[in-house]
Amino acid sequence: CPYHAWSYSLRGELVRVPSKTLPEGFDKADHPLYRVALSVWRGFVFVNLAEDAAGSAHSSFDPASADLGNWPLESLVSGHVLRKVMNCNWKIFWENFNECLHCPGVHKDLSRLVPIYGRGLMGRHDDPEWTRHADNDAPEFSGGLRAGAETWSRDGQAHGPVFSGLTPAEHAAGQTYATSLPSMFIVGHVDYVRSVRLVPLGPEQTELTAEWLFAPDALAATDIDNIVGFGTQVLEEDAAICEVNQKGLRSMRHKAGVLMPEEYDLHRFHDWVRERHAALVP
């Protein structure tokens, strides 16, 4: 501890106290570090501050999340890390993540890459008239990348070897999401994987850590700047608009907004937050 210089073993046991004398009855064994729960999922280490946390890292993922089983997550290595402190509450970021009504105005380049985002929609069934286009696989209706694009990059092209185990549907999708509330989401692309972690620093500050993961033997042959530059742009755009939203919450008159039909995932998120709060009531 940098304050009083109490020293602990790697197992968390108190091993040294610098005081010249100790209080009567003081026993180092009574003052270990607090235990936390650990769970490993496909190379990611999850920490739960509860000593005996229920469930596992795997069970923390949203049941509606996609399956990333065809991506070799365990063998990937880090190619780039972005850390950013956003001046917004963590829940504002997740609200932003769960809708795309903001996409046409905030994410111009992303909306060109994923045309359905340019319509303010997340998926085919978000369109109230989706049955009219049920057989139309054009990306503005199906949700895939624009014609000729392969991945999330500045030019839409893959800039390294693509993962060999992906299905044709996973190739065509362009992005495959898995979400573990409240701390992270993972996106599988054809040539890399991106993870985004969130840590609340206070009521109006959240630390975001994004990591781009690549196959070890492909890292040297990959144009990382083309990939990272695009992903960073999207995250910076989200961070900026989330900070604007946070400022709006300080209004003395405004109490609440109204969810639109496209924001069904926000409604699910709000229910999730309420359930977690209710579970804390003694």
C-alpha atoms as a PDB file:
ATOM      1  CA  CYS A   1       0.000   0.000   0.000  1.00  0.00           C
ATOM      2  CA  PRO A   2       1.619   3.329  -1.027  1.00  0.00           C
ATOM      3  CA  TYR A   3       0.015   5.178   1.904  1.00  0.00           C
ATOM      4  CA  HIS A   4       1.014   3.269   5.064  1.00  0.00           C
ATOM      5  CA  ALA A   5       3.337   0.742   3.363  1.00  0.00           C
ATOM      6  CA  TRP A   6       1.552  -2.373   4.531  1.00  0.00           C
ATOM      7  CA  SER A   7       2.914  -5.203   2.382  1.00  0.00           C
ATOM      8  CA  TYR A   8       1.045  -8.242   1.114  1.00  0.00           C
ATOM      9  CA  SER A   9       1.948 -11.536  -0.513  1.00  0.00           C
ATOM     10  CA  LEU A  10       0.682 -12.428  -3.971  1.00  0.00           C
ATOM     11  CA  ARG A  11      -1.990 -14.476  -2.211  1.00  0.00           C
ATOM     12  CA  GLY A  12      -3.248 -11.357  -0.450  1.00  0.00           C
ATOM     13  CA  GLU A  13      -1.876 -12.140   3.016  1.00  0.00           C
ATOM     14  CA  LEU A  14      -0.533  -9.269   5.107  1.00  0.00           C
ATOM     15  CA  VAL A  15       3.179  -9.966   5.620  1.00  0.00           C
ATOM     16  CA  ARG A  16       4.650  -6.701   6.953  1.00  0.00           C
ATOM     17  CA  VAL A  17       3.557  -3.617   8.881  1.00  0.00           C
ATOM     18  CA  PRO A  18       6.188  -0.855   9.228  1.00  0.00           C
ATOM     19  CA  SER A  19       5.058   0.290  12.715  1.00  0.00           C
ATOM     20  CA  LYS A  20       7.671  -0.148  15.453  1.00  0.00           C
ATOM     21  CA  THR A  21       5.058  -1.527  17.846  1.00  0.00           C
ATOM     22  CA  LEU A  22       1.721  -3.196  17.176  1.00  0.00           C
ATOM     23  CA  PRO A  23      -1.593  -2.884  19.039  1.00  0.00           C
ATOM     24  CA  GLU A  24      -2.305  -5.589  21.586  1.00  0.00           C
ATOM     25  CA  GLY A  25      -3.938  -8.595  19.941  1.00  0.00           C
ATOM     26  CA  PHE A  26      -3.062  -7.467  16.408  1.00  0.00           C
ATOM     27  CA  ASP A  27      -2.802 -10.506  14.112  1.00  0.00           C
ATOM     28  CA  LYS A  28      -1.687 -10.115  10.481  1.00  0.00           C
ATOM     29  CA  ALA A  29      -3.906 -13.048   9.515  1.00  0.00           C
ATOM     30  CA  ASP A  30      -6.970 -10.949  10.385  1.00  0.00           C
ATOM     31  CA  HIS A  31      -6.126  -8.266   7.806  1.00  0.00           C
ATOM     32  CA  PRO A  32      -5.726  -9.816   4.342  1.00  0.00           C
ATOM     33  CA  LEU A  33      -6.702  -8.158   1.086  1.00  0.00           C
ATOM     34  CA  TYR A  34     -10.310  -8.678   0.040  1.00  0.00           C
ATOM     35  CA  ARG A  35     -10.939 -11.691  -2.137  1.00  0.00           C
ATOM     36  CA  VAL A  36     -12.604 -11.341  -5.547  1.00  0.00           C
ATOM     37  CA  ALA A  37     -14.087 -13.871  -7.942  1.00  0.00           C
ATOM     38  CA  LEU A  38     -12.297 -14.732 -11.189  1.00  0.00           C
ATOM     39  CA  SER A  39     -13.703 -16.394 -14.280  1.00  0.00           C
ATOM     40  CA  VAL A  40     -11.868 -17.075 -17.539  1.00  0.00           C
ATOM     41  CA  TRP A  41     -13.755 -17.129 -20.827  1.00  0.00           C
ATOM     42  CA  ARG A  42     -11.911 -17.815 -24.084  1.00  0.00           C
ATOM     43  CA  GLY A  43      -8.766 -15.963 -23.055  1.00  0.00           C
ATOM     44  CA  PHE A  44     -10.534 -13.065 -21.330  1.00  0.00           C
ATOM     45  CA  VAL A  45     -10.204 -12.828 -17.543  1.00  0.00           C
ATOM     46  CA  PHE A  46     -13.328 -11.488 -15.825  1.00  0.00           C
ATOM     47  CA  VAL A  47     -13.181 -10.102 -12.277  1.00  0.00           C
ATOM     48  CA  ASN A  48     -16.223  -9.825 -10.016  1.00  0.00           C
ATOM     49  CA  LEU A  49     -15.748  -7.815  -6.813  1.00  0.00           C
ATOM     50  CA  ALA A  50     -18.144 -10.131  -5.004  1.00  0.00           C
ATOM     51  CA  GLU A  51     -16.098 -12.791  -3.203  1.00  0.00           C
ATOM     52  CA  ASP A  52     -18.513 -15.572  -4.114  1.00  0.00           C
ATOM     53  CA  ALA A  53     -20.097 -14.289  -7.297  1.00  0.00           C
ATOM     54  CA  ALA A  54     -22.869 -16.345  -8.793  1.00  0.00           C
ATOM     55  CA  GLY A  55     -22.576 -17.563 -12.360  1.00  0.00           C
ATOM     56  CA  SER A  56     -19.563 -17.250 -14.644  1.00  0.00           C
ATOM     57  CA  ALA A  57     -18.116 -15.013 -17.325  1.00  0.00           C
ATOM     58  CA  HIS A  58     -19.894 -17.084 -19.959  1.00  0.00           C
ATOM     59  CA  SER A  59     -23.273 -16.689 -18.248  1.00  0.00           C
ATOM     60  CA  SER A  60     -22.790 -12.911 -18.067  1.00  0.00           C
ATOM     61  CA  PHE A  61     -23.259 -12.554 -21.828  1.00  0.00           C
ATOM     62  CA  ASP A  62     -26.612 -11.391 -23.140  1.00  0.00           C
ATOM     63  CA  PRO A  63     -28.579 -14.446 -24.352  1.00  0.00           C
ATOM     64  CA  ALA A  64     -29.404 -12.422 -27.468  1.00  0.00           C
ATOM     65  CA  SER A  65     -25.688 -12.063 -28.251  1.00  0.00           C
ATOM     66  CA  ALA A  66     -24.235 -13.755 -31.283  1.00  0.00           C
ATOM     67  CA  ASP A  67     -21.991 -16.806 -31.007  1.00  0.00           C
ATOM     68  CA  LEU A  68     -18.292 -16.010 -31.518  1.00  0.00           C
ATOM     69  CA  GLY A  69     -17.350 -19.685 -31.505  1.00  0.00           C
ATOM     70  CA  ASN A  70     -15.845 -19.564 -35.003  1.00  0.00           C
ATOM     71  CA  TRP A  71     -13.402 -16.802 -34.070  1.00  0.00           C
ATOM     72  CA  PRO A  72     -10.113 -18.087 -32.528  1.00  0.00           C
ATOM     73  CA  LEU A  73     -10.281 -15.678 -29.577  1.00  0.00           C
ATOM     74  CA  GLU A  74      -7.903 -17.636 -27.348  1.00  0.00           C
ATOM     75  CA  SER A  75      -5.002 -17.394 -29.799  1.00  0.00           C
ATOM     76  CA  LEU A  76      -5.319 -13.729 -30.798  1.00  0.00           C
ATOM     77  CA  VAL A  77      -2.849 -11.041 -29.740  1.00  0.00           C
ATOM     78  CA  SER A  78      -3.236  -7.329 -29.128  1.00  0.00           C
ATOM     79  CA  GLY A  79      -2.331  -5.041 -32.018  1.00  0.00           C
ATOM     80  CA  HIS A  80      -3.517  -1.733 -30.580  1.00  0.00           C
ATOM     81  CA  VAL A  81      -5.130  -0.364 -27.400  1.00  0.00           C
ATOM     82  CA  LEU A  82      -7.156   2.845 -27.078  1.00  0.00           C
ATOM     83  CA  ARG A  83      -7.921   4.307 -23.649  1.00  0.00           C
ATOM     84  CA  LYS A  84     -10.255   7.256 -23.249  1.00  0.00           C
ATOM     85  CA  VAL A  85     -12.067   8.933 -20.357  1.00  0.00           C
ATOM     86  CA  MET A  86     -15.560   9.990 -21.422  1.00  0.00           C
ATOM     87  CA  ASN A  87     -17.398  12.692 -19.493  1.00  0.00           C
ATOM     88  CA  CYS A  88     -20.639  10.750 -19.261  1.00  0.00           C
ATOM     89  CA  ASN A  89     -22.331   8.168 -17.087  1.00  0.00           C
ATOM     90  CA  TRP A  90     -21.706   4.573 -18.126  1.00  0.00           C
ATOM     91  CA  LYS A  91     -25.429   3.989 -18.743  1.00  0.00           C
ATOM     92  CA  ILE A  92     -25.487   6.753 -21.355  1.00  0.00           C
ATOM     93  CA  PHE A  93     -22.833   4.903 -23.345  1.00  0.00           C
ATOM     94  CA  TRP A  94     -24.839   1.672 -23.225  1.00  0.00           C
ATOM     95  CA  GLU A  95     -27.977   3.509 -24.338  1.00  0.00           C
ATOM     96  CA  ASN A  96     -26.000   4.826 -27.301  1.00  0.00           C
ATOM     97  CA  PHE A  97     -24.743   1.313 -28.050  1.00  0.00           C
ATOM     98  CA  ASN A  98     -28.269  -0.097 -28.135  1.00  0.00           C
ATOM     99  CA  GLU A  99     -29.794   2.120 -30.838  1.00  0.00           C
ATOM    100  CA  CYS A 100     -28.932   3.611 -34.194  1.00  0.00           C
ATOM    101  CA  LEU A 101     -31.332   6.522 -34.486  1.00  0.00           C
ATOM    102  CA  HIS A 102     -28.227   8.643 -33.879  1.00  0.00           C
ATOM    103  CA  CYS A 103     -26.217   6.940 -36.633  1.00  0.00           C
ATOM    104  CA  PRO A 104     -27.180   9.035 -39.704  1.00  0.00           C
ATOM    105  CA  GLY A 105     -26.294  12.292 -37.966  1.00  0.00           C
ATOM    106  CA  VAL A 106     -23.326  11.150 -35.873  1.00  0.00           C
ATOM    107  CA  HIS A 107     -21.663   8.354 -37.884  1.00  0.00           C
ATOM    108  CA  LYS A 108     -21.513   9.536 -41.502  1.00  0.00           C
ATOM    109  CA  ASP A 109     -18.744   7.151 -42.599  1.00  0.00           C
ATOM    110  CA  LEU A 110     -20.103   4.192 -40.633  1.00  0.00           C
ATOM    111  CA  SER A 111     -23.535   4.756 -42.172  1.00  0.00           C
ATOM    112  CA  ARG A 112     -21.958   4.546 -45.623  1.00  0.00           C
ATOM    113  CA  LEU A 113     -20.228   1.292 -44.666  1.00  0.00           C
ATOM    114  CA  VAL A 114     -23.344  -0.233 -43.053  1.00  0.00           C
ATOM    115  CA  PRO A 115     -26.217   1.237 -45.105  1.00  0.00           C
ATOM    116  CA  ILE A 116     -28.992   0.109 -42.759  1.00  0.00           C
ATOM    117  CA  TYR A 117     -27.397   2.281 -40.050  1.00  0.00           C
ATOM    118  CA  GLY A 118     -27.871   5.226 -42.383  1.00  0.00           C
ATOM    119  CA  ARG A 119     -31.615   4.561 -42.130  1.00  0.00           C
ATOM    120  CA  GLY A 120     -31.422   4.799 -38.337  1.00  0.00           C
ATOM    121  CA  LEU A 121     -32.009   1.055 -37.964  1.00  0.00           C
ATOM    122  CA  MET A 122     -30.008  -1.741 -36.326  1.00  0.00           C
ATOM    123  CA  GLY A 123     -31.486  -4.690 -38.211  1.00  0.00           C
ATOM    124  CA  ARG A 124     -33.963  -5.816 -40.844  1.00  0.00           C
ATOM    125  CA  HIS A 125     -36.913  -6.240 -38.476  1.00  0.00           C
ATOM    126  CA  ASP A 126     -36.573  -2.700 -37.081  1.00  0.00           C
ATOM    127  CA  ASP A 127     -38.237  -1.424 -40.256  1.00  0.00           C
ATOM    128  CA  PRO A 128     -42.031  -1.321 -39.673  1.00  0.00           C
ATOM    129  CA  GLU A 129     -42.448  -2.300 -43.333  1.00  0.00           C
ATOM    130  CA  TRP A 130     -39.803  -5.015 -43.298  1.00  0.00           C
ATOM    131  CA  THR A 131     -42.123  -7.630 -44.815  1.00  0.00           C
ATOM    132  CA  ARG A 132     -42.144  -5.637 -48.057  1.00  0.00           C
ATOM    133  CA  HIS A 133     -38.376  -6.149 -48.288  1.00  0.00           C
ATOM    134  CA  ALA A 134     -38.137  -9.582 -46.670  1.00  0.00           C
ATOM    135  CA  ASP A 135     -36.606 -11.111 -49.801  1.00  0.00           C
ATOM    136  CA  ASN A 136     -34.367  -8.140 -50.586  1.00  0.00           C
ATOM    137  CA  ASP A 137     -30.768  -8.816 -49.526  1.00  0.00           C
ATOM    138  CA  ALA A 138     -29.514  -5.333 -50.382  1.00  0.00           C
ATOM    139  CA  PRO A 139     -27.482  -4.096 -47.378  1.00  0.00           C
ATOM    140  CA  GLU A 140     -29.829  -1.187 -46.641  1.00  0.00           C
ATOM    141  CA  PHE A 141     -32.489  -3.821 -45.877  1.00  0.00           C
ATOM    142  CA  SER A 142     -30.470  -6.860 -44.740  1.00  0.00           C
ATOM    143  CA  GLY A 143     -28.030  -5.067 -42.433  1.00  0.00           C
ATOM    144  CA  GLY A 144     -24.794  -6.194 -44.074  1.00  0.00           C
ATOM    145  CA  LEU A 145     -21.886  -4.088 -45.309  1.00  0.00           C
ATOM    146  CA  ARG A 146     -22.113  -2.059 -48.511  1.00  0.00           C
ATOM    147  CA  ALA A 147     -21.424  -3.882 -51.774  1.00  0.00           C
ATOM    148  CA  GLY A 148     -17.739  -4.772 -52.101  1.00  0.00           C
ATOM    149  CA  ALA A 149     -16.894  -4.128 -48.430  1.00  0.00           C
ATOM    150  CA  GLU A 150     -15.516  -6.866 -46.180  1.00  0.00           C
ATOM    151  CA  THR A 151     -14.843  -5.396 -42.758  1.00  0.00           C
ATOM    152  CA  TRP A 152     -14.800  -2.294 -40.570  1.00  0.00           C
ATOM    153  CA  SER A 153     -11.896  -0.266 -41.968  1.00  0.00           C
ATOM    154  CA  ARG A 154     -11.468   3.125 -43.624  1.00  0.00           C
ATOM    155  CA  ASP A 155     -11.916   1.667 -47.092  1.00  0.00           C
ATOM    156  CA  GLY A 156     -14.085  -1.291 -46.094  1.00  0.00           C
ATOM    157  CA  GLN A 157     -11.431  -3.799 -47.199  1.00  0.00           C
ATOM    158  CA  ALA A 158      -9.799  -6.549 -45.154  1.00  0.00           C
ATOM    159  CA  HIS A 159      -6.185  -5.621 -44.455  1.00  0.00           C
ATOM    160  CA  GLY A 160      -4.866  -8.977 -43.352  1.00  0.00           C
ATOM    161  CA  PRO A 161      -5.707 -12.673 -43.650  1.00  0.00           C
ATOM    162  CA  VAL A 162      -9.355 -13.465 -42.916  1.00  0.00           C
ATOM    163  CA  PHE A 163     -10.281 -16.056 -40.301  1.00  0.00           C
ATOM    164  CA  SER A 164     -10.696 -19.405 -42.036  1.00  0.00           C
ATOM    165  CA  GLY A 165     -13.379 -20.859 -39.752  1.00  0.00           C
ATOM    166  CA  LEU A 166     -16.125 -18.319 -40.399  1.00  0.00           C
ATOM    167  CA  THR A 167     -19.357 -19.303 -42.108  1.00  0.00           C
ATOM    168  CA  PRO A 168     -20.587 -17.556 -45.272  1.00  0.00           C
ATOM    169  CA  ALA A 169     -23.230 -15.810 -43.142  1.00  0.00           C
ATOM    170  CA  GLU A 170     -20.573 -14.528 -40.727  1.00  0.00           C
ATOM    171  CA  HIS A 171     -18.511 -13.269 -43.664  1.00  0.00           C
ATOM    172  CA  ALA A 172     -21.529 -11.517 -45.127  1.00  0.00           C
ATOM    173  CA  ALA A 173     -22.619  -9.924 -41.834  1.00  0.00           C
ATOM    174  CA  GLY A 174     -19.483  -7.787 -41.550  1.00  0.00           C
ATOM    175  CA  GLN A 175     -19.846  -7.469 -37.772  1.00  0.00           C
ATOM    176  CA  THR A 176     -20.911  -9.955 -35.094  1.00  0.00           C
ATOM    177  CA  TYR A 177     -21.566  -8.683 -31.550  1.00  0.00           C
ATOM    178  CA  ALA A 178     -21.417 -10.374 -28.152  1.00  0.00           C
ATOM    179  CA  THR A 179     -22.334  -8.259 -25.106  1.00  0.00           C
ATOM    180  CA  SER A 180     -21.577  -8.765 -21.417  1.00  0.00           C
ATOM    181  CA  LEU A 181     -23.393  -6.106 -19.409  1.00  0.00           C
ATOM    182  CA  PRO A 182     -22.347  -3.888 -17.803  1.00  0.00           C
ATOM    183  CA  SER A 183     -18.661  -4.042 -18.604  1.00  0.00           C
ATOM    184  CA  MET A 184     -17.829  -5.018 -22.178  1.00  0.00           C
ATOM    185  CA  PHE A 185     -18.759  -5.984 -25.703  1.00  0.00           C
ATOM    186  CA  ILE A 186     -16.800  -7.921 -28.320  1.00  0.00           C
ATOM    187  CA  VAL A 187     -17.141  -7.565 -32.088  1.00  0.00           C
ATOM    188  CA  GLY A 188     -15.965 -10.214 -34.507  1.00  0.00           C
ATOM    189  CA  HIS A 189     -14.924  -9.045 -37.990  1.00  0.00           C
ATOM    190  CA  VAL A 190     -13.555 -11.197 -40.797  1.00  0.00           C
ATOM    191  CA  ASP A 191      -9.919 -10.215 -40.171  1.00  0.00           C
ATOM    192  CA  TYR A 192      -9.785  -9.071 -36.534  1.00  0.00           C
ATOM    193  CA  VAL A 193     -11.697  -8.860 -33.258  1.00  0.00           C
ATOM    194  CA  ARG A 194     -12.380  -5.721 -31.244  1.00  0.00           C
ATOM    195  CA  SER A 195     -13.184  -5.628 -27.533  1.00  0.00           C
ATOM    196  CA  VAL A 196     -14.483  -2.566 -25.692  1.00  0.00           C
ATOM    197  CA  ARG A 197     -14.423  -2.411 -21.880  1.00  0.00           C
ATOM    198  CA  LEU A 198     -16.097   0.177 -19.656  1.00  0.00           C
ATOM    199  CA  VAL A 199     -15.232   1.176 -16.079  1.00  0.00           C
ATOM    200  CA  PRO A 200     -17.279   3.857 -14.267  1.00  0.00           C
ATOM    201  CA  LEU A 201     -15.026   6.467 -12.643  1.00  0.00           C
ATOM    202  CA  GLY A 202     -17.867   8.526 -11.166  1.00  0.00           C
ATOM    203  CA  PRO A 203     -21.438   9.663 -11.880  1.00  0.00           C
ATOM    204  CA  GLU A 204     -20.315  11.575 -14.977  1.00  0.00           C
ATOM    205  CA  GLN A 205     -17.093   9.837 -16.022  1.00  0.00           C
ATOM    206  CA  THR A 206     -16.449   6.480 -17.661  1.00  0.00           C
ATOM    207  CA  GLU A 207     -13.152   4.979 -18.807  1.00  0.00           C
ATOM    208  CA  LEU A 208     -13.309   3.200 -22.155  1.00  0.00           C
ATOM    209  CA  THR A 209     -10.618   0.724 -23.230  1.00  0.00           C
ATOM    210  CA  ALA A 210     -10.775  -0.627 -26.777  1.00  0.00           C
ATOM    211  CA  GLU A 211      -8.441  -3.365 -27.959  1.00  0.00           C
ATOM    212  CA  TRP A 212      -7.898  -4.641 -31.504  1.00  0.00           C
ATOM    213  CA  LEU A 213      -6.953  -8.347 -31.633  1.00  0.00           C
ATOM    214  CA  PHE A 214      -5.292 -10.156 -34.526  1.00  0.00           C
ATOM    215  CA  ALA A 215      -3.898 -13.583 -35.355  1.00  0.00           C
ATOM    216  CA  PRO A 216      -0.205 -13.602 -34.290  1.00  0.00           C
ATOM    217  CA  ASP A 217       1.146 -14.629 -37.687  1.00  0.00           C
ATOM    218  CA  ALA A 218      -1.013 -12.024 -39.443  1.00  0.00           C
ATOM    219  CA  LEU A 219      -0.077  -9.028 -37.334  1.00  0.00           C
ATOM    220  CA  ALA A 220       2.990  -8.010 -39.357  1.00  0.00           C
ATOM    221  CA  ALA A 221       1.071  -8.310 -42.637  1.00  0.00           C
ATOM    222  CA  THR A 222      -1.942  -6.295 -41.485  1.00  0.00           C
ATOM    223  CA  ASP A 223      -2.493  -2.592 -42.200  1.00  0.00           C
ATOM    224  CA  ILE A 224      -3.451  -1.831 -38.612  1.00  0.00           C
ATOM    225  CA  ASP A 225      -3.742   1.928 -39.139  1.00  0.00           C
ATOM    226  CA  ASN A 226      -6.520   1.495 -41.707  1.00  0.00           C
ATOM    227  CA  ILE A 227      -8.488  -0.686 -39.288  1.00  0.00           C
ATOM    228  CA  VAL A 228      -7.754   1.127 -36.029  1.00  0.00           C
ATOM    229  CA  GLY A 229      -8.289   4.560 -37.562  1.00  0.00           C
ATOM    230  CA  PHE A 230     -11.848   3.720 -38.560  1.00  0.00           C
ATOM    231  CA  GLY A 231     -12.771   2.057 -35.266  1.00  0.00           C
ATOM    232  CA  THR A 232     -11.276   4.929 -33.280  1.00  0.00           C
ATOM    233  CA  GLN A 233     -13.268   7.442 -35.317  1.00  0.00           C
ATOM    234  CA  VAL A 234     -16.539   5.646 -34.518  1.00  0.00           C
ATOM    235  CA  LEU A 235     -15.730   5.443 -30.796  1.00  0.00           C
ATOM    236  CA  GLU A 236     -14.713   9.101 -30.671  1.00  0.00           C
ATOM    237  CA  GLU A 237     -17.983  10.071 -32.358  1.00  0.00           C
ATOM    238  CA  ASP A 238     -19.950   8.019 -29.837  1.00  0.00           C
ATOM    239  CA  ALA A 239     -18.002   9.486 -26.916  1.00  0.00           C
ATOM    240  CA  ALA A 240     -18.606  13.051 -28.095  1.00  0.00           C
ATOM    241  CA  ILE A 241     -22.364  12.614 -28.523  1.00  0.00           C
ATOM    242  CA  CYS A 242     -22.637  10.772 -25.190  1.00  0.00           C
ATOM    243  CA  GLU A 243     -20.998  13.765 -23.506  1.00  0.00           C
ATOM    244  CA  VAL A 244     -23.565  16.048 -25.168  1.00  0.00           C
ATOM    245  CA  ASN A 245     -26.309  13.784 -23.820  1.00  0.00           C
ATOM    246  CA  GLN A 246     -24.806  13.974 -20.323  1.00  0.00           C
ATOM    247  CA  LYS A 247     -24.967  17.766 -20.440  1.00  0.00           C
ATOM    248  CA  GLY A 248     -28.637  17.518 -21.359  1.00  0.00           C
ATOM    249  CA  LEU A 249     -29.345  15.511 -18.206  1.00  0.00           C
ATOM    250  CA  ARG A 250     -28.378  18.552 -16.139  1.00  0.00           C
ATOM    251  CA  SER A 251     -31.406  20.472 -17.388  1.00  0.00           C
ATOM    252  CA  MET A 252     -33.472  21.890 -14.509  1.00  0.00           C
ATOM    253  CA  ARG A 253     -36.766  21.459 -16.390  1.00  0.00           C
ATOM    254  CA  HIS A 254     -36.480  18.302 -18.471  1.00  0.00           C
ATOM    255  CA  LYS A 255     -37.439  15.116 -16.616  1.00  0.00           C
ATOM    256  CA  ALA A 256     -37.499  12.308 -19.171  1.00  0.00           C
ATOM    257  CA  GLY A 257     -37.762  11.531 -22.844  1.00  0.00           C
ATOM    258  CA  VAL A 258     -39.869   9.012 -24.763  1.00  0.00           C
ATOM    259  CA  LEU A 259     -38.510   5.808 -26.267  1.00  0.00           C
ATOM    260  CA  MET A 260     -39.245   5.244 -29.929  1.00  0.00           C
ATOM    261  CA  PRO A 261     -40.154   1.795 -31.333  1.00  0.00           C
ATOM    262  CA  GLU A 262     -36.605   1.374 -32.709  1.00  0.00           C
ATOM    263  CA  GLU A 263     -35.276   1.695 -29.148  1.00  0.00           C
ATOM    264  CA  TYR A 264     -36.570  -1.664 -27.918  1.00  0.00           C
ATOM    265  CA  ASP A 265     -33.056  -2.634 -26.818  1.00  0.00           C
ATOM    266  CA  LEU A 266     -32.893   0.523 -24.686  1.00  0.00           C
ATOM    267  CA  HIS A 267     -36.095  -0.644 -23.013  1.00  0.00           C
ATOM    268  CA  ARG A 268     -34.456  -4.020 -22.347  1.00  0.00           C
ATOM    269  CA  PHE A 269     -31.407  -2.249 -20.937  1.00  0.00           C
ATOM    270  CA  HIS A 270     -33.547  -0.051 -18.675  1.00  0.00           C
ATOM    271  CA  ASP A 271     -35.323  -3.168 -17.380  1.00  0.00           C
ATOM    272  CA  TRP A 272     -31.933  -4.804 -16.760  1.00  0.00           C
ATOM    273  CA  VAL A 273     -30.761  -1.792 -14.725  1.00  0.00           C
ATOM    274  CA  ARG A 274     -34.008  -1.724 -12.708  1.00  0.00           C
ATOM    275  CA  GLU A 275     -33.719  -5.435 -11.955  1.00  0.00           C
ATOM    276  CA  ARG A 276     -30.155  -5.012 -10.700  1.00  0.00           C
ATOM    277  CA  HIS A 277     -31.175  -2.102  -8.471  1.00  0.00           C
ATOM    278  CA  ALA A 278     -34.139  -4.052  -7.106  1.00  0.00           C
ATOM    279  CA  ALA A 279     -31.864  -6.979  -6.270  1.00  0.00           C
ATOM    280  CA  LEU A 280     -29.763  -4.682  -4.046  1.00  0.00           C
ATOM    281  CA  VAL A 281     -32.701  -3.664  -1.850  1.00  0.00           C
ATOM    282  CA  PRO A 282     -32.233  -5.394   1.551  1.00  0.00           C
END
